[in-house]
């Protein structure tokens, strides 16, 4: 089973069209999705023009080290908070 078989092609195409029509690109910082978004976006038509890549940081240490997430806040919220999300998105 190839990657294309596990993603909703229609949704991926809509995301691609939205980004392309606005001349936007995307990069992602993932945790619990464990690279799923990166795999999905890499299957877009002409992905290299839209998708810049991403990083998967599953544990607090890696989030703090690579995405500058506050480790105390991450520990206190089990990494599930608006603030941790913003920190991850801001550093990618």
PDB file of N, CA and C in Angstrom:
ATOM      1  N   UNK A   1       0.843  -1.185   0.000  1.00  0.00           N
ATOM      2  CA  UNK A   1       0.000   0.000   0.000  1.00  0.00           C
ATOM      3  C   UNK A   1       0.880   1.238   0.000  1.00  0.00           C
ATOM      4  N   UNK A   2       0.768   2.050  -1.020  1.00  0.00           N
ATOM      5  CA  UNK A   2       1.556   3.266  -1.110  1.00  0.00           C
ATOM      6  C   UNK A   2       0.971   4.382  -0.266  1.00  0.00           C
ATOM      7  N   UNK A   3       1.767   5.433  -0.067  1.00  0.00           N
ATOM      8  CA  UNK A   3       1.299   6.566   0.733  1.00  0.00           C
ATOM      9  C   UNK A   3       0.037   7.190   0.170  1.00  0.00           C
ATOM     10  N   UNK A   4      -0.069   7.289  -1.132  1.00  0.00           N
ATOM     11  CA  UNK A   4      -1.242   7.934  -1.729  1.00  0.00           C
ATOM     12  C   UNK A   4      -2.536   7.230  -1.346  1.00  0.00           C
ATOM     13  N   UNK A   5      -2.465   5.975  -1.009  1.00  0.00           N
ATOM     14  CA  UNK A   5      -3.667   5.226  -0.673  1.00  0.00           C
ATOM     15  C   UNK A   5      -4.198   5.541   0.724  1.00  0.00           C
ATOM     16  N   UNK A   6      -3.414   6.177   1.578  1.00  0.00           N
ATOM     17  CA  UNK A   6      -3.875   6.413   2.943  1.00  0.00           C
ATOM     18  C   UNK A   6      -4.333   7.849   3.193  1.00  0.00           C
ATOM     19  N   UNK A   7      -4.182   8.729   2.228  1.00  0.00           N
ATOM     20  CA  UNK A   7      -4.572  10.121   2.405  1.00  0.00           C
ATOM     21  C   UNK A   7      -5.813  10.440   1.582  1.00  0.00           C
ATOM     22  N   UNK A   8      -6.576  11.397   2.055  1.00  0.00           N
ATOM     23  CA  UNK A   8      -7.751  11.868   1.339  1.00  0.00           C
ATOM     24  C   UNK A   8      -7.274  12.815   0.234  1.00  0.00           C
ATOM     25  N   UNK A   9      -7.200  12.301  -0.977  1.00  0.00           N
ATOM     26  CA  UNK A   9      -6.674  13.074  -2.101  1.00  0.00           C
ATOM     27  C   UNK A   9      -7.438  14.373  -2.324  1.00  0.00           C
ATOM     28  N   UNK A  10      -8.739  14.345  -2.108  1.00  0.00           N
ATOM     29  CA  UNK A  10      -9.555  15.547  -2.312  1.00  0.00           C
ATOM     30  C   UNK A  10      -9.170  16.641  -1.315  1.00  0.00           C
ATOM     31  N   UNK A  11      -8.966  16.261  -0.062  1.00  0.00           N
ATOM     32  CA  UNK A  11      -8.575  17.234   0.966  1.00  0.00           C
ATOM     33  C   UNK A  11      -7.190  17.789   0.676  1.00  0.00           C
ATOM     34  N   UNK A  12      -6.261  16.926   0.316  1.00  0.00           N
ATOM     35  CA  UNK A  12      -4.905  17.364  -0.011  1.00  0.00           C
ATOM     36  C   UNK A  12      -4.941  18.337  -1.197  1.00  0.00           C
ATOM     37  N   UNK A  13      -5.743  18.042  -2.199  1.00  0.00           N
ATOM     38  CA  UNK A  13      -5.865  18.923  -3.367  1.00  0.00           C
ATOM     39  C   UNK A  13      -6.450  20.279  -2.978  1.00  0.00           C
ATOM     40  N   UNK A  14      -7.442  20.278  -2.081  1.00  0.00           N
ATOM     41  CA  UNK A  14      -8.034  21.548  -1.634  1.00  0.00           C
ATOM     42  C   UNK A  14      -7.016  22.390  -0.873  1.00  0.00           C
ATOM     43  N   UNK A  15      -6.235  21.745  -0.023  1.00  0.00           N
ATOM     44  CA  UNK A  15      -5.193  22.468   0.728  1.00  0.00           C
ATOM     45  C   UNK A  15      -4.177  23.054  -0.241  1.00  0.00           C
ATOM     46  N   UNK A  16      -3.771  22.247  -1.216  1.00  0.00           N
ATOM     47  CA  UNK A  16      -2.809  22.718  -2.204  1.00  0.00           C
ATOM     48  C   UNK A  16      -3.350  23.922  -2.972  1.00  0.00           C
ATOM     49  N   UNK A  17      -4.592  23.833  -3.411  1.00  0.00           N
ATOM     50  CA  UNK A  17      -5.193  24.939  -4.157  1.00  0.00           C
ATOM     51  C   UNK A  17      -5.281  26.203  -3.311  1.00  0.00           C
ATOM     52  N   UNK A  18      -5.677  26.060  -2.054  1.00  0.00           N
ATOM     53  CA  UNK A  18      -5.777  27.214  -1.174  1.00  0.00           C
ATOM     54  C   UNK A  18      -4.406  27.883  -0.999  1.00  0.00           C
ATOM     55  N   UNK A  19      -3.406  27.081  -0.714  1.00  0.00           N
ATOM     56  CA  UNK A  19      -2.063  27.632  -0.526  1.00  0.00           C
ATOM     57  C   UNK A  19      -1.558  28.275  -1.810  1.00  0.00           C
ATOM     58  N   UNK A  20      -1.722  27.579  -2.909  1.00  0.00           N
ATOM     59  CA  UNK A  20      -1.234  28.074  -4.193  1.00  0.00           C
ATOM     60  C   UNK A  20      -1.931  29.366  -4.609  1.00  0.00           C
ATOM     61  N   UNK A  21      -3.240  29.429  -4.462  1.00  0.00           N
ATOM     62  CA  UNK A  21      -3.987  30.617  -4.884  1.00  0.00           C
ATOM     63  C   UNK A  21      -3.615  31.850  -4.063  1.00  0.00           C
ATOM     64  N   UNK A  22      -3.143  31.623  -2.852  1.00  0.00           N
ATOM     65  CA  UNK A  22      -2.740  32.736  -1.977  1.00  0.00           C
ATOM     66  C   UNK A  22      -1.230  32.963  -2.004  1.00  0.00           C
ATOM     67  N   UNK A  23      -0.547  32.204  -2.828  1.00  0.00           N
ATOM     68  CA  UNK A  23       0.916  32.266  -2.917  1.00  0.00           C
ATOM     69  C   UNK A  23       1.564  32.008  -1.563  1.00  0.00           C
ATOM     70  N   UNK A  24       0.989  31.052  -0.821  1.00  0.00           N
ATOM     71  CA  UNK A  24       1.510  30.676   0.496  1.00  0.00           C
ATOM     72  C   UNK A  24       2.219  29.331   0.417  1.00  0.00           C
ATOM     73  N   UNK A  25       3.041  29.097   1.403  1.00  0.00           N
ATOM     74  CA  UNK A  25       3.696  27.804   1.566  1.00  0.00           C
ATOM     75  C   UNK A  25       3.433  27.332   2.983  1.00  0.00           C
ATOM     76  N   UNK A  26       3.825  26.099   3.269  1.00  0.00           N
ATOM     77  CA  UNK A  26       3.579  25.560   4.597  1.00  0.00           C
ATOM     78  C   UNK A  26       4.791  24.749   5.065  1.00  0.00           C
ATOM     79  N   UNK A  27       5.052  24.849   6.352  1.00  0.00           N
ATOM     80  CA  UNK A  27       5.986  23.974   7.053  1.00  0.00           C
ATOM     81  C   UNK A  27       5.269  23.580   8.338  1.00  0.00           C
ATOM     82  N   UNK A  28       5.593  22.426   8.879  1.00  0.00           N
ATOM     83  CA  UNK A  28       4.861  21.945  10.044  1.00  0.00           C
ATOM     84  C   UNK A  28       5.789  21.528  11.168  1.00  0.00           C
ATOM     85  N   UNK A  29       5.281  21.674  12.383  1.00  0.00           N
ATOM     86  CA  UNK A  29       5.902  21.111  13.580  1.00  0.00           C
ATOM     87  C   UNK A  29       4.874  20.145  14.143  1.00  0.00           C
ATOM     88  N   UNK A  30       5.234  18.878  14.201  1.00  0.00           N
ATOM     89  CA  UNK A  30       4.288  17.850  14.628  1.00  0.00           C
ATOM     90  C   UNK A  30       4.734  17.189  15.917  1.00  0.00           C
ATOM     91  N   UNK A  31       3.769  16.620  16.595  1.00  0.00           N
ATOM     92  CA  UNK A  31       4.035  15.831  17.786  1.00  0.00           C
ATOM     93  C   UNK A  31       3.229  14.550  17.681  1.00  0.00           C
ATOM     94  N   UNK A  32       2.022  14.568  18.202  1.00  0.00           N
ATOM     95  CA  UNK A  32       1.199  13.360  18.229  1.00  0.00           C
ATOM     96  C   UNK A  32       0.851  12.860  16.821  1.00  0.00           C
ATOM     97  N   UNK A  33       0.862  13.730  15.838  1.00  0.00           N
ATOM     98  CA  UNK A  33       0.607  13.295  14.470  1.00  0.00           C
ATOM     99  C   UNK A  33       1.817  12.575  13.869  1.00  0.00           C
ATOM    100  N   UNK A  34       2.955  12.652  14.528  1.00  0.00           N
ATOM    101  CA  UNK A  34       4.145  11.838  14.242  1.00  0.00           C
ATOM    102  C   UNK A  34       4.575  11.804  12.777  1.00  0.00           C
ATOM    103  N   UNK A  35       4.482  12.932  12.099  1.00  0.00           N
ATOM    104  CA  UNK A  35       4.929  12.993  10.716  1.00  0.00           C
ATOM    105  C   UNK A  35       3.850  12.763   9.687  1.00  0.00           C
ATOM    106  N   UNK A  36       2.641  12.497  10.129  1.00  0.00           N
ATOM    107  CA  UNK A  36       1.536  12.219   9.208  1.00  0.00           C
ATOM    108  C   UNK A  36       1.277  13.412   8.278  1.00  0.00           C
ATOM    109  N   UNK A  37       1.276  14.618   8.834  1.00  0.00           N
ATOM    110  CA  UNK A  37       1.036  15.797   7.992  1.00  0.00           C
ATOM    111  C   UNK A  37       2.142  15.968   6.964  1.00  0.00           C
ATOM    112  N   UNK A  38       3.390  15.733   7.390  1.00  0.00           N
ATOM    113  CA  UNK A  38       4.504  15.842   6.454  1.00  0.00           C
ATOM    114  C   UNK A  38       4.361  14.833   5.319  1.00  0.00           C
ATOM    115  N   UNK A  39       3.982  13.618   5.663  1.00  0.00           N
ATOM    116  CA  UNK A  39       3.777  12.594   4.639  1.00  0.00           C
ATOM    117  C   UNK A  39       2.636  12.983   3.703  1.00  0.00           C
ATOM    118  N   UNK A  40       1.550  13.487   4.256  1.00  0.00           N
ATOM    119  CA  UNK A  40       0.403  13.884   3.433  1.00  0.00           C
ATOM    120  C   UNK A  40       0.767  15.039   2.509  1.00  0.00           C
ATOM    121  N   UNK A  41       1.399  16.076   3.061  1.00  0.00           N
ATOM    122  CA  UNK A  41       1.737  17.238   2.246  1.00  0.00           C
ATOM    123  C   UNK A  41       2.762  16.893   1.173  1.00  0.00           C
ATOM    124  N   UNK A  42       3.624  15.929   1.435  1.00  0.00           N
ATOM    125  CA  UNK A  42       4.629  15.553   0.443  1.00  0.00           C
ATOM    126  C   UNK A  42       3.992  14.882  -0.772  1.00  0.00           C
ATOM    127  N   UNK A  43       2.745  14.454  -0.649  1.00  0.00           N
ATOM    128  CA  UNK A  43       2.048  13.809  -1.757  1.00  0.00           C
ATOM    129  C   UNK A  43       1.289  14.802  -2.639  1.00  0.00           C
ATOM    130  N   UNK A  44       1.308  16.095  -2.277  1.00  0.00           N
ATOM    131  CA  UNK A  44       0.637  17.099  -3.095  1.00  0.00           C
ATOM    132  C   UNK A  44       1.298  17.188  -4.466  1.00  0.00           C
ATOM    133  N   UNK A  45       0.497  17.520  -5.449  1.00  0.00           N
ATOM    134  CA  UNK A  45       1.042  17.811  -6.769  1.00  0.00           C
ATOM    135  C   UNK A  45       2.009  18.993  -6.622  1.00  0.00           C
ATOM    136  N   UNK A  46       3.186  18.881  -7.184  1.00  0.00           N
ATOM    137  CA  UNK A  46       4.212  19.929  -7.114  1.00  0.00           C
ATOM    138  C   UNK A  46       4.493  20.340  -5.676  1.00  0.00           C
ATOM    139  N   UNK A  47       4.590  19.366  -4.799  1.00  0.00           N
ATOM    140  CA  UNK A  47       4.778  19.613  -3.360  1.00  0.00           C
ATOM    141  C   UNK A  47       5.970  20.517  -3.064  1.00  0.00           C
ATOM    142  N   UNK A  48       7.046  20.382  -3.823  1.00  0.00           N
ATOM    143  CA  UNK A  48       8.249  21.165  -3.503  1.00  0.00           C
ATOM    144  C   UNK A  48       8.026  22.665  -3.643  1.00  0.00           C
ATOM    145  N   UNK A  49       6.990  23.078  -4.368  1.00  0.00           N
ATOM    146  CA  UNK A  49       6.685  24.501  -4.510  1.00  0.00           C
ATOM    147  C   UNK A  49       5.849  25.039  -3.352  1.00  0.00           C
ATOM    148  N   UNK A  50       5.260  24.147  -2.565  1.00  0.00           N
ATOM    149  CA  UNK A  50       4.320  24.556  -1.524  1.00  0.00           C
ATOM    150  C   UNK A  50       4.759  24.107  -0.139  1.00  0.00           C
ATOM    151  N   UNK A  51       5.282  22.903  -0.059  1.00  0.00           N
ATOM    152  CA  UNK A  51       5.627  22.307   1.233  1.00  0.00           C
ATOM    153  C   UNK A  51       7.124  22.433   1.498  1.00  0.00           C
ATOM    154  N   UNK A  52       7.480  23.135   2.562  1.00  0.00           N
ATOM    155  CA  UNK A  52       8.887  23.356   2.890  1.00  0.00           C
ATOM    156  C   UNK A  52       9.487  22.261   3.755  1.00  0.00           C
ATOM    157  N   UNK A  53       8.659  21.484   4.420  1.00  0.00           N
ATOM    158  CA  UNK A  53       9.153  20.413   5.275  1.00  0.00           C
ATOM    159  C   UNK A  53       8.613  20.550   6.678  1.00  0.00           C
ATOM    160  N   UNK A  54       9.245  19.850   7.589  1.00  0.00           N
ATOM    161  CA  UNK A  54       8.759  19.905   8.954  1.00  0.00           C
ATOM    162  C   UNK A  54       9.650  19.174   9.928  1.00  0.00           C
ATOM    163  N   UNK A  55       9.181  19.145  11.145  1.00  0.00           N
ATOM    164  CA  UNK A  55       9.908  18.507  12.227  1.00  0.00           C
ATOM    165  C   UNK A  55       8.906  17.797  13.123  1.00  0.00           C
ATOM    166  N   UNK A  56       9.257  16.592  13.521  1.00  0.00           N
ATOM    167  CA  UNK A  56       8.438  15.851  14.469  1.00  0.00           C
ATOM    168  C   UNK A  56       9.201  15.771  15.777  1.00  0.00           C
ATOM    169  N   UNK A  57       8.638  16.369  16.816  1.00  0.00           N
ATOM    170  CA  UNK A  57       9.250  16.346  18.150  1.00  0.00           C
ATOM    171  C   UNK A  57       8.223  15.759  19.094  1.00  0.00           C
ATOM    172  N   UNK A  58       8.451  14.528  19.472  1.00  0.00           N
ATOM    173  CA  UNK A  58       7.434  13.813  20.246  1.00  0.00           C
ATOM    174  C   UNK A  58       7.576  14.022  21.742  1.00  0.00           C
ATOM    175  N   UNK A  59       8.794  14.173  22.228  1.00  0.00           N
ATOM    176  CA  UNK A  59       8.936  14.339  23.686  1.00  0.00           C
ATOM    177  C   UNK A  59       9.284  15.777  24.059  1.00  0.00           C
ATOM    178  N   UNK A  60       9.126  16.077  25.327  1.00  0.00           N
ATOM    179  CA  UNK A  60       9.322  17.445  25.819  1.00  0.00           C
ATOM    180  C   UNK A  60      10.747  17.925  25.580  1.00  0.00           C
ATOM    181  N   UNK A  61      11.718  17.051  25.800  1.00  0.00           N
ATOM    182  CA  UNK A  61      13.115  17.443  25.597  1.00  0.00           C
ATOM    183  C   UNK A  61      13.377  17.928  24.189  1.00  0.00           C
ATOM    184  N   UNK A  62      12.847  17.222  23.205  1.00  0.00           N
ATOM    185  CA  UNK A  62      13.052  17.612  21.812  1.00  0.00           C
ATOM    186  C   UNK A  62      12.257  18.865  21.456  1.00  0.00           C
ATOM    187  N   UNK A  63      11.079  19.000  22.034  1.00  0.00           N
ATOM    188  CA  UNK A  63      10.303  20.232  21.803  1.00  0.00           C
ATOM    189  C   UNK A  63      11.061  21.434  22.355  1.00  0.00           C
ATOM    190  N   UNK A  64      11.618  21.299  23.544  1.00  0.00           N
ATOM    191  CA  UNK A  64      12.370  22.401  24.166  1.00  0.00           C
ATOM    192  C   UNK A  64      13.641  22.694  23.363  1.00  0.00           C
ATOM    193  N   UNK A  65      14.333  21.662  22.964  1.00  0.00           N
ATOM    194  CA  UNK A  65      15.615  21.831  22.276  1.00  0.00           C
ATOM    195  C   UNK A  65      15.458  22.417  20.879  1.00  0.00           C
ATOM    196  N   UNK A  66      14.562  21.872  20.095  1.00  0.00           N
ATOM    197  CA  UNK A  66      14.471  22.263  18.689  1.00  0.00           C
ATOM    198  C   UNK A  66      13.427  23.325  18.390  1.00  0.00           C
ATOM    199  N   UNK A  67      12.380  23.403  19.221  1.00  0.00           N
ATOM    200  CA  UNK A  67      11.288  24.345  18.945  1.00  0.00           C
ATOM    201  C   UNK A  67      11.137  25.403  20.032  1.00  0.00           C
ATOM    202  N   UNK A  68      12.076  25.405  20.955  1.00  0.00           N
ATOM    203  CA  UNK A  68      12.126  26.405  22.035  1.00  0.00           C
ATOM    204  C   UNK A  68      10.842  26.468  22.857  1.00  0.00           C
ATOM    205  N   UNK A  69      10.225  25.318  23.049  1.00  0.00           N
ATOM    206  CA  UNK A  69       9.042  25.233  23.903  1.00  0.00           C
ATOM    207  C   UNK A  69       9.504  25.321  25.357  1.00  0.00           C
ATOM    208  N   UNK A  70       8.772  26.064  26.166  1.00  0.00           N
ATOM    209  CA  UNK A  70       9.086  26.176  27.590  1.00  0.00           C
ATOM    210  C   UNK A  70       8.869  24.809  28.237  1.00  0.00           C
ATOM    211  N   UNK A  71       9.940  24.162  28.726  1.00  0.00           N
ATOM    212  CA  UNK A  71       9.796  22.796  29.236  1.00  0.00           C
ATOM    213  C   UNK A  71       8.932  22.687  30.489  1.00  0.00           C
ATOM    214  N   UNK A  72       8.920  23.709  31.318  1.00  0.00           N
ATOM    215  CA  UNK A  72       8.093  23.664  32.531  1.00  0.00           C
ATOM    216  C   UNK A  72       6.619  23.703  32.155  1.00  0.00           C
ATOM    217  N   UNK A  73       6.273  24.619  31.270  1.00  0.00           N
ATOM    218  CA  UNK A  73       4.880  24.690  30.813  1.00  0.00           C
ATOM    219  C   UNK A  73       4.487  23.409  30.088  1.00  0.00           C
ATOM    220  N   UNK A  74       5.381  22.907  29.262  1.00  0.00           N
ATOM    221  CA  UNK A  74       5.087  21.673  28.533  1.00  0.00           C
ATOM    222  C   UNK A  74       4.836  20.520  29.505  1.00  0.00           C
ATOM    223  N   UNK A  75       5.662  20.423  30.527  1.00  0.00           N
ATOM    224  CA  UNK A  75       5.496  19.366  31.528  1.00  0.00           C
ATOM    225  C   UNK A  75       4.168  19.525  32.267  1.00  0.00           C
ATOM    226  N   UNK A  76       3.856  20.755  32.660  1.00  0.00           N
ATOM    227  CA  UNK A  76       2.630  21.015  33.421  1.00  0.00           C
ATOM    228  C   UNK A  76       1.355  20.768  32.620  1.00  0.00           C
ATOM    229  N   UNK A  77       1.434  20.868  31.310  1.00  0.00           N
ATOM    230  CA  UNK A  77       0.243  20.705  30.474  1.00  0.00           C
ATOM    231  C   UNK A  77       0.292  19.442  29.610  1.00  0.00           C
ATOM    232  N   UNK A  78       1.313  18.618  29.827  1.00  0.00           N
ATOM    233  CA  UNK A  78       1.536  17.436  28.983  1.00  0.00           C
ATOM    234  C   UNK A  78       1.585  17.842  27.508  1.00  0.00           C
ATOM    235  N   UNK A  79       2.123  19.023  27.270  1.00  0.00           N
ATOM    236  CA  UNK A  79       2.290  19.606  25.929  1.00  0.00           C
ATOM    237  C   UNK A  79       0.979  19.914  25.227  1.00  0.00           C
ATOM    238  N   UNK A  80      -0.113  19.926  25.958  1.00  0.00           N
ATOM    239  CA  UNK A  80      -1.411  20.205  25.353  1.00  0.00           C
ATOM    240  C   UNK A  80      -1.918  21.539  25.884  1.00  0.00           C
ATOM    241  N   UNK A  81      -1.535  22.599  25.184  1.00  0.00           N
ATOM    242  CA  UNK A  81      -2.009  23.936  25.544  1.00  0.00           C
ATOM    243  C   UNK A  81      -1.875  24.844  24.338  1.00  0.00           C
ATOM    244  N   UNK A  82      -2.657  25.903  24.321  1.00  0.00           N
ATOM    245  CA  UNK A  82      -2.554  26.878  23.242  1.00  0.00           C
ATOM    246  C   UNK A  82      -1.153  27.458  23.178  1.00  0.00           C
ATOM    247  N   UNK A  83      -0.580  27.744  24.332  1.00  0.00           N
ATOM    248  CA  UNK A  83       0.742  28.350  24.380  1.00  0.00           C
ATOM    249  C   UNK A  83       1.821  27.441  23.798  1.00  0.00           C
ATOM    250  N   UNK A  84       1.802  26.162  24.139  1.00  0.00           N
ATOM    251  CA  UNK A  84       2.778  25.220  23.589  1.00  0.00           C
ATOM    252  C   UNK A  84       2.600  25.117  22.076  1.00  0.00           C
ATOM    253  N   UNK A  85       1.369  25.099  21.618  1.00  0.00           N
ATOM    254  CA  UNK A  85       1.099  25.040  20.185  1.00  0.00           C
ATOM    255  C   UNK A  85       1.682  26.248  19.477  1.00  0.00           C
ATOM    256  N   UNK A  86       1.465  27.432  20.039  1.00  0.00           N
ATOM    257  CA  UNK A  86       1.989  28.661  19.437  1.00  0.00           C
ATOM    258  C   UNK A  86       3.513  28.637  19.443  1.00  0.00           C
ATOM    259  N   UNK A  87       4.116  28.174  20.534  1.00  0.00           N
ATOM    260  CA  UNK A  87       5.575  28.093  20.604  1.00  0.00           C
ATOM    261  C   UNK A  87       6.117  27.162  19.514  1.00  0.00           C
ATOM    262  N   UNK A  88       5.486  26.020  19.343  1.00  0.00           N
ATOM    263  CA  UNK A  88       5.925  25.079  18.311  1.00  0.00           C
ATOM    264  C   UNK A  88       5.789  25.688  16.919  1.00  0.00           C
ATOM    265  N   UNK A  89       4.660  26.305  16.656  1.00  0.00           N
ATOM    266  CA  UNK A  89       4.407  26.886  15.332  1.00  0.00           C
ATOM    267  C   UNK A  89       5.317  28.063  15.037  1.00  0.00           C
ATOM    268  N   UNK A  90       5.668  28.821  16.058  1.00  0.00           N
ATOM    269  CA  UNK A  90       6.490  30.011  15.872  1.00  0.00           C
ATOM    270  C   UNK A  90       7.932  29.669  15.538  1.00  0.00           C
ATOM    271  N   UNK A  91       8.400  28.522  15.968  1.00  0.00           N
ATOM    272  CA  UNK A  91       9.804  28.172  15.781  1.00  0.00           C
ATOM    273  C   UNK A  91      10.087  27.319  14.560  1.00  0.00           C
ATOM    274  N   UNK A  92       9.068  26.796  13.928  1.00  0.00           N
ATOM    275  CA  UNK A  92       9.307  25.955  12.767  1.00  0.00           C
ATOM    276  C   UNK A  92       9.681  26.782  11.610  1.00  0.00           C
TER     277      UNK A  92
END
